Each structure stands twice: as C-alpha cells, then as structure tokens.
Amino acid sequence: MRSLLMFVAFACVLAGSKALAAESAPSPSPSPSPSPTPSPYAQLTFRNVGPSSAGGRLTSVVGTDRDPALYYIGAADGGVWKSTNGGTDWTPLFDDQPVAAVGAVAIDPSDPNVVWAGTGEANPRNDVVPGNGIYVTTDGGKTWKLSGLEGTAAIGKIIVDPHNPKSVVVAALGDPFADSTARGIYHSTDGGATWSRTLYLSPSSGGCDLASSARASNIIFACMWHYRRTGWSTHSGGPDDGIFRSTDGGATWQRLQGHGLPTD
C-alpha cells in the first residue's frame, strides 16, 4: 500500500513539473509578415497653386515637353494664365480681351510661344458664359489675335498637329441654350487664317472633345454631344451623338459603331 501511494505521489509530481515546464517555455514567435512596399506618393499632398479667386473653375491645363516648368491654364470666367516656374506663380494673360470665358487651351508642340485659346466654356452649366471665337498668340501670351470661329459660342478642345503646326482642329460645342448651325468640328490648314467645318450633325449636337496620337497625328477621334440647357433643367444626349474617327488629320470623319459602341 505504501508503495502504491509513493507511486501516485511521484506521478503527480512528474505531471506537475511537465505542466510547469510547458507554461514557462517561450511560445514560438510568429513568422514576420512581409512589409508593404512604401508608396512613393505617400508623403505628397495636394495644394492649391492658383489662380486664387479671380479665375473661377478651370477648363484646361496644358504643358510642353520643351520646357517642364511652363504651363498655361484656361479659366471658365477668368481668361488664360501662365506659369514659368512649375505652378508656383501665375500671370494673367487675357485681361485685355473682350471675353474672359475660356473653354480650351493648346500649345503648339513645335513652338511653346504659340498658344491657342478657344473662348466660351464647354461645361454647360446654368451660369456658363459664351465666347466669341478662337485666339492665338505667337509671343507667349503678350499679345493675342482673334483667329475666327466667332459664332461657335463654346469651344471644348483644340489640337495642333505636332508634325504640321499649321493644321489645327477645333471642337465647337456651340450655344447650350439654343440651336446653332455653328456647332461641329472645324479644321484649319493655314494656321487659323481660314477654317472649314468638316463634321456637322445637327443644330443641337456639337463637338465636345478631341483626342489624337503624337505618333500618328493624322488619326483623330471626335466626340459629338447633343445638349440643351434651360434656366431650370438640362437635356443631355440625342440620336446624333457618337464617336467619330478621322484618318486624314481632321479633313473627313467616319462614325464608329459596334465593337461595344451603339449601332443605332
């Protein structure tokens, strides 16, 4: 009997020592998770670089690879502004012109002193201000010349051919409050001396945007948009709307259909 009691006591001591050892043993460290790659933009924050309150909302921002510090912006009700130090300071360039509403700005890729400004905001809000045509400067904004398209009212995009700066294509949205036969896509082959309207759909559908490739500048895409604004409502979209493509620098256009785009 005594031997049995001693055996039981020894077993209890042994079990307790194992439990104590298990409790005192350090738990295995978890495998370290891979550290995420830090974002190069994590420490960057947006800041307002102007213009302050004079320009209102902006409609266009353009730069040039010939001078990384040179930028021009177009303001819906504040004209054209220029920065020569990467946006730190801005100078108004359009104060002497009879209209302040600017819808599009474009720099000649071959000469950053040649800048085009299409007047009339093409974001048709209830307080939109119409323009009176397209302007061009050849001295970096010191002086401007009205270069036609006076009846277009609102210009949304300008493209200058990088291989032939005399070739300029303009998207004119037109008057948002009324029908207008001045809407459409215009093309100049003589640097704005004369213009030909190469794409026209109806008095209520105008050109709202253009896109092209610097490598194949003869290929241009144009968006046509039916829009009507009243003092209390808007009507957007119509049967004439669509995307068109030109393969000859804006001289002729073909509607794109199918392949994901509407066919009627």
C-alpha atoms as a PDB file:
ATOM      1  CA  MET A   1       0.000   0.000   0.000  1.00  0.00           C
ATOM      2  CA  ARG A   2       2.810   2.294   0.888  1.00  0.00           C
ATOM      3  CA  SER A   3       4.480   1.606  -2.447  1.00  0.00           C
ATOM      4  CA  LEU A   4       1.241   2.451  -4.282  1.00  0.00           C
ATOM      5  CA  LEU A   5       0.943   5.792  -2.501  1.00  0.00           C
ATOM      6  CA  MET A   6       4.541   6.655  -3.294  1.00  0.00           C
ATOM      7  CA  PHE A   7       3.978   5.810  -6.957  1.00  0.00           C
ATOM      8  CA  VAL A   8       0.881   8.017  -7.148  1.00  0.00           C
ATOM      9  CA  ALA A   9       2.707  10.887  -5.463  1.00  0.00           C
ATOM     10  CA  PHE A  10       5.656  10.559  -7.829  1.00  0.00           C
ATOM     11  CA  ALA A  11       3.318  10.551 -10.841  1.00  0.00           C
ATOM     12  CA  CYS A  12       1.615  13.716  -9.637  1.00  0.00           C
ATOM     13  CA  VAL A  13       4.942  15.475  -9.113  1.00  0.00           C
ATOM     14  CA  LEU A  14       6.110  14.439 -12.575  1.00  0.00           C
ATOM     15  CA  ALA A  15       2.897  15.657 -14.238  1.00  0.00           C
ATOM     16  CA  GLY A  16       3.099  18.983 -12.404  1.00  0.00           C
ATOM     17  CA  SER A  17       6.700  19.541 -13.414  1.00  0.00           C
ATOM     18  CA  LYS A  18       5.842  18.908 -17.075  1.00  0.00           C
ATOM     19  CA  ALA A  19       2.949  21.360 -16.924  1.00  0.00           C
ATOM     20  CA  LEU A  20       5.142  23.962 -15.259  1.00  0.00           C
ATOM     21  CA  ALA A  21       7.812  23.474 -17.883  1.00  0.00           C
ATOM     22  CA  ALA A  22       5.226  23.872 -20.636  1.00  0.00           C
ATOM     23  CA  GLU A  23       3.953  27.108 -19.099  1.00  0.00           C
ATOM     24  CA  SER A  24       7.437  28.561 -18.674  1.00  0.00           C
ATOM     25  CA  ALA A  25       8.627  27.604 -22.153  1.00  0.00           C
ATOM     26  CA  PRO A  26       8.573  30.621 -24.540  1.00  0.00           C
ATOM     27  CA  SER A  27       5.870  30.480 -27.226  1.00  0.00           C
ATOM     28  CA  PRO A  28       7.171  30.352 -30.780  1.00  0.00           C
ATOM     29  CA  SER A  29       7.416  33.783 -32.460  1.00  0.00           C
ATOM     30  CA  PRO A  30       5.002  34.324 -35.345  1.00  0.00           C
ATOM     31  CA  SER A  31       6.534  34.470 -38.785  1.00  0.00           C
ATOM     32  CA  PRO A  32       7.096  38.099 -39.746  1.00  0.00           C
ATOM     33  CA  SER A  33       4.690  39.284 -42.437  1.00  0.00           C
ATOM     34  CA  PRO A  34       6.294  40.897 -45.475  1.00  0.00           C
ATOM     35  CA  SER A  35       6.458  44.671 -45.199  1.00  0.00           C
ATOM     36  CA  PRO A  36       4.388  46.503 -47.828  1.00  0.00           C
ATOM     37  CA  THR A  37       6.336  48.447 -50.393  1.00  0.00           C
ATOM     38  CA  PRO A  38       6.133  52.108 -49.389  1.00  0.00           C
ATOM     39  CA  SER A  39       4.308  54.280 -51.911  1.00  0.00           C
ATOM     40  CA  PRO A  40       6.474  56.972 -53.499  1.00  0.00           C
ATOM     41  CA  TYR A  41       3.475  59.308 -53.197  1.00  0.00           C
ATOM     42  CA  ALA A  42       2.681  58.666 -49.518  1.00  0.00           C
ATOM     43  CA  GLN A  43       4.288  61.902 -48.332  1.00  0.00           C
ATOM     44  CA  LEU A  44       2.852  64.042 -51.127  1.00  0.00           C
ATOM     45  CA  THR A  45      -0.204  66.205 -50.566  1.00  0.00           C
ATOM     46  CA  PHE A  46      -2.271  68.311 -52.945  1.00  0.00           C
ATOM     47  CA  ARG A  47      -2.124  72.059 -52.541  1.00  0.00           C
ATOM     48  CA  ASN A  48      -3.812  74.899 -54.353  1.00  0.00           C
ATOM     49  CA  VAL A  49      -1.351  76.595 -56.699  1.00  0.00           C
ATOM     50  CA  GLY A  50      -3.812  79.193 -58.009  1.00  0.00           C
ATOM     51  CA  PRO A  51      -5.085  81.313 -59.501  1.00  0.00           C
ATOM     52  CA  SER A  52      -6.768  82.427 -56.280  1.00  0.00           C
ATOM     53  CA  SER A  53     -10.382  83.547 -56.648  1.00  0.00           C
ATOM     54  CA  ALA A  54     -10.190  85.506 -59.885  1.00  0.00           C
ATOM     55  CA  GLY A  55     -10.211  82.665 -62.383  1.00  0.00           C
ATOM     56  CA  GLY A  56     -13.057  80.534 -61.133  1.00  0.00           C
ATOM     57  CA  ARG A  57     -13.199  76.892 -62.196  1.00  0.00           C
ATOM     58  CA  LEU A  58     -10.552  75.738 -64.661  1.00  0.00           C
ATOM     59  CA  THR A  59     -11.315  74.228 -68.049  1.00  0.00           C
ATOM     60  CA  SER A  60      -7.886  73.411 -69.468  1.00  0.00           C
ATOM     61  CA  VAL A  61      -4.313  72.793 -68.287  1.00  0.00           C
ATOM     62  CA  VAL A  62      -1.502  72.344 -70.821  1.00  0.00           C
ATOM     63  CA  GLY A  63       2.263  71.972 -70.688  1.00  0.00           C
ATOM     64  CA  THR A  64       5.083  71.205 -73.093  1.00  0.00           C
ATOM     65  CA  ASP A  65       7.978  68.776 -73.116  1.00  0.00           C
ATOM     66  CA  ARG A  66      10.181  71.598 -74.400  1.00  0.00           C
ATOM     67  CA  ASP A  67      10.012  73.333 -71.014  1.00  0.00           C
ATOM     68  CA  PRO A  68       8.865  71.301 -67.981  1.00  0.00           C
ATOM     69  CA  ALA A  69       8.292  74.479 -65.937  1.00  0.00           C
ATOM     70  CA  LEU A  70       5.966  76.137 -68.476  1.00  0.00           C
ATOM     71  CA  TYR A  71       2.191  75.792 -68.093  1.00  0.00           C
ATOM     72  CA  TYR A  72      -0.900  77.552 -69.382  1.00  0.00           C
ATOM     73  CA  ILE A  73      -4.384  77.235 -67.935  1.00  0.00           C
ATOM     74  CA  GLY A  74      -7.795  78.324 -69.149  1.00  0.00           C
ATOM     75  CA  ALA A  75     -10.391  79.551 -66.661  1.00  0.00           C
ATOM     76  CA  ALA A  76     -14.129  79.368 -67.210  1.00  0.00           C
ATOM     77  CA  ASP A  77     -14.577  83.039 -66.352  1.00  0.00           C
ATOM     78  CA  GLY A  78     -11.004  84.214 -65.837  1.00  0.00           C
ATOM     79  CA  GLY A  79      -9.116  84.111 -69.131  1.00  0.00           C
ATOM     80  CA  VAL A  80      -5.721  82.497 -69.735  1.00  0.00           C
ATOM     81  CA  TRP A  81      -2.956  82.255 -67.122  1.00  0.00           C
ATOM     82  CA  LYS A  82       0.724  81.347 -67.444  1.00  0.00           C
ATOM     83  CA  SER A  83       3.336  79.888 -65.104  1.00  0.00           C
ATOM     84  CA  THR A  84       7.036  79.706 -65.928  1.00  0.00           C
ATOM     85  CA  ASN A  85       8.124  78.082 -62.656  1.00  0.00           C
ATOM     86  CA  GLY A  86       6.081  74.917 -62.489  1.00  0.00           C
ATOM     87  CA  GLY A  87       2.954  76.456 -60.996  1.00  0.00           C
ATOM     88  CA  THR A  88       4.472  78.441 -58.125  1.00  0.00           C
ATOM     89  CA  ASP A  89       3.452  81.776 -59.643  1.00  0.00           C
ATOM     90  CA  TRP A  90       0.776  82.623 -62.227  1.00  0.00           C
ATOM     91  CA  THR A  91       0.355  85.619 -64.521  1.00  0.00           C
ATOM     92  CA  PRO A  92      -2.960  86.553 -66.204  1.00  0.00           C
ATOM     93  CA  LEU A  93      -2.603  86.985 -69.967  1.00  0.00           C
ATOM     94  CA  PHE A  94      -6.133  87.638 -71.203  1.00  0.00           C
ATOM     95  CA  ASP A  95      -7.275  90.702 -69.274  1.00  0.00           C
ATOM     96  CA  ASP A  96      -7.241  92.980 -72.329  1.00  0.00           C
ATOM     97  CA  GLN A  97      -9.512  90.747 -74.406  1.00  0.00           C
ATOM     98  CA  PRO A  98     -13.268  91.381 -74.772  1.00  0.00           C
ATOM     99  CA  VAL A  99     -14.221  87.980 -73.349  1.00  0.00           C
ATOM    100  CA  ALA A 100     -12.986  86.187 -70.231  1.00  0.00           C
ATOM    101  CA  ALA A 101     -14.603  82.759 -70.670  1.00  0.00           C
ATOM    102  CA  VAL A 102     -12.087  80.176 -71.911  1.00  0.00           C
ATOM    103  CA  GLY A 103     -13.011  76.597 -72.785  1.00  0.00           C
ATOM    104  CA  ALA A 104      -9.781  75.196 -74.249  1.00  0.00           C
ATOM    105  CA  VAL A 105      -6.067  75.977 -74.461  1.00  0.00           C
ATOM    106  CA  ALA A 106      -3.446  74.304 -76.671  1.00  0.00           C
ATOM    107  CA  ILE A 107       0.302  74.790 -77.089  1.00  0.00           C
ATOM    108  CA  ASP A 108       1.979  74.380 -80.456  1.00  0.00           C
ATOM    109  CA  PRO A 109       4.212  71.318 -79.852  1.00  0.00           C
ATOM    110  CA  SER A 110       6.903  72.800 -82.085  1.00  0.00           C
ATOM    111  CA  ASP A 111       6.918  76.280 -80.510  1.00  0.00           C
ATOM    112  CA  PRO A 112       5.759  76.881 -76.907  1.00  0.00           C
ATOM    113  CA  ASN A 113       5.345  80.594 -77.632  1.00  0.00           C
ATOM    114  CA  VAL A 114       2.433  79.775 -79.944  1.00  0.00           C
ATOM    115  CA  VAL A 115      -0.673  79.176 -77.855  1.00  0.00           C
ATOM    116  CA  TRP A 116      -4.309  78.792 -78.909  1.00  0.00           C
ATOM    117  CA  ALA A 117      -7.255  79.760 -76.698  1.00  0.00           C
ATOM    118  CA  GLY A 118     -10.824  78.761 -77.518  1.00  0.00           C
ATOM    119  CA  THR A 119     -13.340  81.007 -75.801  1.00  0.00           C
ATOM    120  CA  GLY A 120     -16.669  80.023 -74.298  1.00  0.00           C
ATOM    121  CA  GLU A 121     -16.831  77.362 -71.604  1.00  0.00           C
ATOM    122  CA  ALA A 122     -17.868  73.945 -72.925  1.00  0.00           C
ATOM    123  CA  ASN A 123     -19.010  72.704 -69.499  1.00  0.00           C
ATOM    124  CA  PRO A 124     -22.601  73.885 -69.958  1.00  0.00           C
ATOM    125  CA  ARG A 125     -23.696  74.999 -66.503  1.00  0.00           C
ATOM    126  CA  ASN A 126     -26.585  77.332 -65.838  1.00  0.00           C
ATOM    127  CA  ASP A 127     -24.136  80.233 -65.439  1.00  0.00           C
ATOM    128  CA  VAL A 128     -21.983  79.411 -68.459  1.00  0.00           C
ATOM    129  CA  VAL A 129     -20.554  82.396 -70.336  1.00  0.00           C
ATOM    130  CA  PRO A 130     -20.329  82.296 -74.160  1.00  0.00           C
ATOM    131  CA  GLY A 131     -17.195  83.124 -76.104  1.00  0.00           C
ATOM    132  CA  ASN A 132     -16.506  84.948 -79.342  1.00  0.00           C
ATOM    133  CA  GLY A 133     -14.126  82.627 -81.204  1.00  0.00           C
ATOM    134  CA  ILE A 134     -10.576  81.336 -81.086  1.00  0.00           C
ATOM    135  CA  TYR A 135      -7.475  83.370 -80.279  1.00  0.00           C
ATOM    136  CA  VAL A 136      -3.784  82.744 -80.928  1.00  0.00           C
ATOM    137  CA  THR A 137      -0.589  84.256 -79.550  1.00  0.00           C
ATOM    138  CA  THR A 138       2.872  83.890 -81.060  1.00  0.00           C
ATOM    139  CA  ASP A 139       4.791  85.619 -78.266  1.00  0.00           C
ATOM    140  CA  GLY A 140       3.889  83.553 -75.239  1.00  0.00           C
ATOM    141  CA  GLY A 141       0.727  85.467 -74.376  1.00  0.00           C
ATOM    142  CA  LYS A 142       1.945  89.063 -74.570  1.00  0.00           C
ATOM    143  CA  THR A 143      -0.398  89.793 -77.479  1.00  0.00           C
ATOM    144  CA  TRP A 144      -3.400  87.896 -78.866  1.00  0.00           C
ATOM    145  CA  LYS A 145      -5.161  87.819 -82.207  1.00  0.00           C
ATOM    146  CA  LEU A 146      -8.748  86.738 -82.840  1.00  0.00           C
ATOM    147  CA  SER A 147      -8.464  83.998 -85.460  1.00  0.00           C
ATOM    148  CA  GLY A 148     -12.062  83.253 -86.439  1.00  0.00           C
ATOM    149  CA  LEU A 149     -14.901  80.938 -85.351  1.00  0.00           C
ATOM    150  CA  GLU A 150     -16.736  83.896 -83.830  1.00  0.00           C
ATOM    151  CA  GLY A 151     -20.137  82.181 -83.859  1.00  0.00           C
ATOM    152  CA  THR A 152     -19.181  78.970 -82.092  1.00  0.00           C
ATOM    153  CA  ALA A 153     -20.053  80.260 -78.573  1.00  0.00           C
ATOM    154  CA  ALA A 154     -18.261  77.400 -76.762  1.00  0.00           C
ATOM    155  CA  ILE A 155     -15.029  75.611 -77.713  1.00  0.00           C
ATOM    156  CA  GLY A 156     -14.171  72.433 -75.815  1.00  0.00           C
ATOM    157  CA  LYS A 157     -10.916  71.218 -77.363  1.00  0.00           C
ATOM    158  CA  ILE A 158      -8.083  72.308 -79.674  1.00  0.00           C
ATOM    159  CA  ILE A 159      -5.499  70.015 -81.265  1.00  0.00           C
ATOM    160  CA  VAL A 160      -2.376  71.272 -83.043  1.00  0.00           C
ATOM    161  CA  ASP A 161      -0.620  68.770 -85.299  1.00  0.00           C
ATOM    162  CA  PRO A 162       2.896  68.202 -83.879  1.00  0.00           C
ATOM    163  CA  HIS A 163       4.227  67.487 -87.364  1.00  0.00           C
ATOM    164  CA  ASN A 164       2.411  70.332 -89.112  1.00  0.00           C
ATOM    165  CA  PRO A 165       1.558  73.215 -86.755  1.00  0.00           C
ATOM    166  CA  LYS A 166      -0.469  74.933 -89.468  1.00  0.00           C
ATOM    167  CA  SER A 167      -3.027  72.132 -89.100  1.00  0.00           C
ATOM    168  CA  VAL A 168      -5.390  72.907 -86.218  1.00  0.00           C
ATOM    169  CA  VAL A 169      -8.587  71.034 -85.309  1.00  0.00           C
ATOM    170  CA  VAL A 170     -11.247  72.531 -83.031  1.00  0.00           C
ATOM    171  CA  ALA A 171     -14.284  71.003 -81.304  1.00  0.00           C
ATOM    172  CA  ALA A 172     -17.088  73.568 -81.004  1.00  0.00           C
ATOM    173  CA  LEU A 173     -19.941  72.585 -78.699  1.00  0.00           C
ATOM    174  CA  GLY A 174     -21.948  75.681 -79.545  1.00  0.00           C
ATOM    175  CA  ASP A 175     -24.608  77.652 -77.704  1.00  0.00           C
ATOM    176  CA  PRO A 176     -26.024  75.498 -74.872  1.00  0.00           C
ATOM    177  CA  PHE A 177     -29.265  77.488 -74.713  1.00  0.00           C
ATOM    178  CA  ALA A 178     -30.381  77.414 -78.362  1.00  0.00           C
ATOM    179  CA  ASP A 179     -29.984  75.650 -81.690  1.00  0.00           C
ATOM    180  CA  SER A 180     -26.964  76.773 -83.677  1.00  0.00           C
ATOM    181  CA  THR A 181     -25.592  75.852 -87.076  1.00  0.00           C
ATOM    182  CA  ALA A 182     -22.112  76.927 -85.951  1.00  0.00           C
ATOM    183  CA  ARG A 183     -21.532  73.704 -83.991  1.00  0.00           C
ATOM    184  CA  GLY A 184     -19.242  70.887 -85.048  1.00  0.00           C
ATOM    185  CA  ILE A 185     -15.597  70.105 -85.787  1.00  0.00           C
ATOM    186  CA  TYR A 186     -13.501  72.698 -87.603  1.00  0.00           C
ATOM    187  CA  HIS A 187     -10.179  72.268 -89.391  1.00  0.00           C
ATOM    188  CA  SER A 188      -7.628  74.858 -90.479  1.00  0.00           C
ATOM    189  CA  THR A 189      -4.681  74.053 -92.722  1.00  0.00           C
ATOM    190  CA  ASP A 190      -3.191  77.552 -92.721  1.00  0.00           C
ATOM    191  CA  GLY A 191      -2.691  78.313 -89.045  1.00  0.00           C
ATOM    192  CA  GLY A 192      -6.147  79.739 -88.448  1.00  0.00           C
ATOM    193  CA  ALA A 193      -6.341  82.106 -91.416  1.00  0.00           C
ATOM    194  CA  THR A 194      -9.312  80.122 -92.739  1.00  0.00           C
ATOM    195  CA  TRP A 195     -11.493  77.355 -91.319  1.00  0.00           C
ATOM    196  CA  SER A 196     -13.548  74.520 -92.790  1.00  0.00           C
ATOM    197  CA  ARG A 197     -16.257  72.742 -90.832  1.00  0.00           C
ATOM    198  CA  THR A 198     -15.528  69.097 -91.565  1.00  0.00           C
ATOM    199  CA  LEU A 199     -18.053  67.444 -89.223  1.00  0.00           C
ATOM    200  CA  TYR A 200     -21.594  68.680 -88.620  1.00  0.00           C
ATOM    201  CA  LEU A 201     -24.584  66.652 -87.436  1.00  0.00           C
ATOM    202  CA  SER A 202     -27.415  68.974 -86.450  1.00  0.00           C
ATOM    203  CA  PRO A 203     -28.158  72.377 -84.883  1.00  0.00           C
ATOM    204  CA  SER A 204     -28.361  70.714 -81.456  1.00  0.00           C
ATOM    205  CA  SER A 205     -25.263  68.447 -81.475  1.00  0.00           C
ATOM    206  CA  GLY A 206     -21.775  69.881 -81.197  1.00  0.00           C
ATOM    207  CA  GLY A 207     -18.190  68.778 -80.733  1.00  0.00           C
ATOM    208  CA  CYS A 208     -17.246  68.367 -77.090  1.00  0.00           C
ATOM    209  CA  ASP A 209     -13.840  66.655 -77.190  1.00  0.00           C
ATOM    210  CA  LEU A 210     -10.941  65.542 -79.404  1.00  0.00           C
ATOM    211  CA  ALA A 211      -8.071  63.077 -78.967  1.00  0.00           C
ATOM    212  CA  SER A 212      -5.106  62.206 -81.146  1.00  0.00           C
ATOM    213  CA  SER A 213      -1.779  60.409 -81.065  1.00  0.00           C
ATOM    214  CA  ALA A 214       1.525  62.266 -81.293  1.00  0.00           C
ATOM    215  CA  ARG A 215       2.972  59.382 -83.316  1.00  0.00           C
ATOM    216  CA  ALA A 216       0.064  59.159 -85.746  1.00  0.00           C
ATOM    217  CA  SER A 217      -1.258  62.701 -85.674  1.00  0.00           C
ATOM    218  CA  ASN A 218      -3.405  62.093 -88.746  1.00  0.00           C
ATOM    219  CA  ILE A 219      -5.672  59.855 -86.625  1.00  0.00           C
ATOM    220  CA  ILE A 220      -8.079  61.945 -84.546  1.00  0.00           C
ATOM    221  CA  PHE A 221     -11.148  60.964 -82.540  1.00  0.00           C
ATOM    222  CA  ALA A 222     -14.041  63.369 -82.006  1.00  0.00           C
ATOM    223  CA  CYS A 223     -16.991  63.193 -79.608  1.00  0.00           C
ATOM    224  CA  MET A 224     -20.295  64.745 -80.647  1.00  0.00           C
ATOM    225  CA  TRP A 225     -22.831  65.665 -77.971  1.00  0.00           C
ATOM    226  CA  HIS A 226     -26.452  66.800 -78.045  1.00  0.00           C
ATOM    227  CA  TYR A 227     -27.019  69.208 -75.178  1.00  0.00           C
ATOM    228  CA  ARG A 228     -29.640  71.785 -74.302  1.00  0.00           C
ATOM    229  CA  ARG A 229     -29.688  73.958 -71.222  1.00  0.00           C
ATOM    230  CA  THR A 230     -32.577  75.994 -69.867  1.00  0.00           C
ATOM    231  CA  GLY A 231     -32.778  78.122 -66.775  1.00  0.00           C
ATOM    232  CA  TRP A 232     -34.292  75.257 -64.801  1.00  0.00           C
ATOM    233  CA  SER A 233     -33.280  71.977 -66.485  1.00  0.00           C
ATOM    234  CA  THR A 234     -30.918  70.208 -68.861  1.00  0.00           C
ATOM    235  CA  HIS A 235     -31.313  67.737 -71.699  1.00  0.00           C
ATOM    236  CA  SER A 236     -28.276  65.615 -72.459  1.00  0.00           C
ATOM    237  CA  GLY A 237     -27.894  63.071 -75.244  1.00  0.00           C
ATOM    238  CA  GLY A 238     -29.602  62.586 -78.575  1.00  0.00           C
ATOM    239  CA  PRO A 239     -29.764  60.393 -81.676  1.00  0.00           C
ATOM    240  CA  ASP A 240     -26.874  62.192 -83.364  1.00  0.00           C
ATOM    241  CA  ASP A 241     -24.361  61.646 -80.568  1.00  0.00           C
ATOM    242  CA  GLY A 242     -21.364  59.407 -81.073  1.00  0.00           C
ATOM    243  CA  ILE A 243     -17.639  58.972 -81.568  1.00  0.00           C
ATOM    244  CA  PHE A 244     -16.093  59.736 -84.944  1.00  0.00           C
ATOM    245  CA  ARG A 245     -12.658  58.992 -86.357  1.00  0.00           C
ATOM    246  CA  SER A 246     -10.554  60.832 -88.902  1.00  0.00           C
ATOM    247  CA  THR A 247      -7.553  59.247 -90.589  1.00  0.00           C
ATOM    248  CA  ASP A 248      -6.553  62.337 -92.575  1.00  0.00           C
ATOM    249  CA  GLY A 249      -5.914  64.886 -89.853  1.00  0.00           C
ATOM    250  CA  GLY A 250      -9.490  66.080 -89.488  1.00  0.00           C
ATOM    251  CA  ALA A 251     -10.445  66.558 -93.138  1.00  0.00           C
ATOM    252  CA  THR A 252     -13.053  63.764 -93.182  1.00  0.00           C
ATOM    253  CA  TRP A 253     -14.792  61.708 -90.489  1.00  0.00           C
ATOM    254  CA  GLN A 254     -16.399  58.304 -90.051  1.00  0.00           C
ATOM    255  CA  ARG A 255     -18.818  57.342 -87.282  1.00  0.00           C
ATOM    256  CA  LEU A 256     -17.629  54.437 -85.110  1.00  0.00           C
ATOM    257  CA  GLN A 257     -20.254  51.766 -84.424  1.00  0.00           C
ATOM    258  CA  GLY A 258     -20.297  48.273 -82.964  1.00  0.00           C
ATOM    259  CA  HIS A 259     -17.447  46.606 -81.086  1.00  0.00           C
ATOM    260  CA  GLY A 260     -19.049  47.775 -77.851  1.00  0.00           C
ATOM    261  CA  LEU A 261     -20.381  51.071 -79.206  1.00  0.00           C
ATOM    262  CA  PRO A 262     -24.064  51.649 -80.055  1.00  0.00           C
ATOM    263  CA  THR A 263     -25.106  50.610 -83.554  1.00  0.00           C
ATOM    264  CA  ASP A 264     -28.126  52.896 -83.851  1.00  0.00           C
END
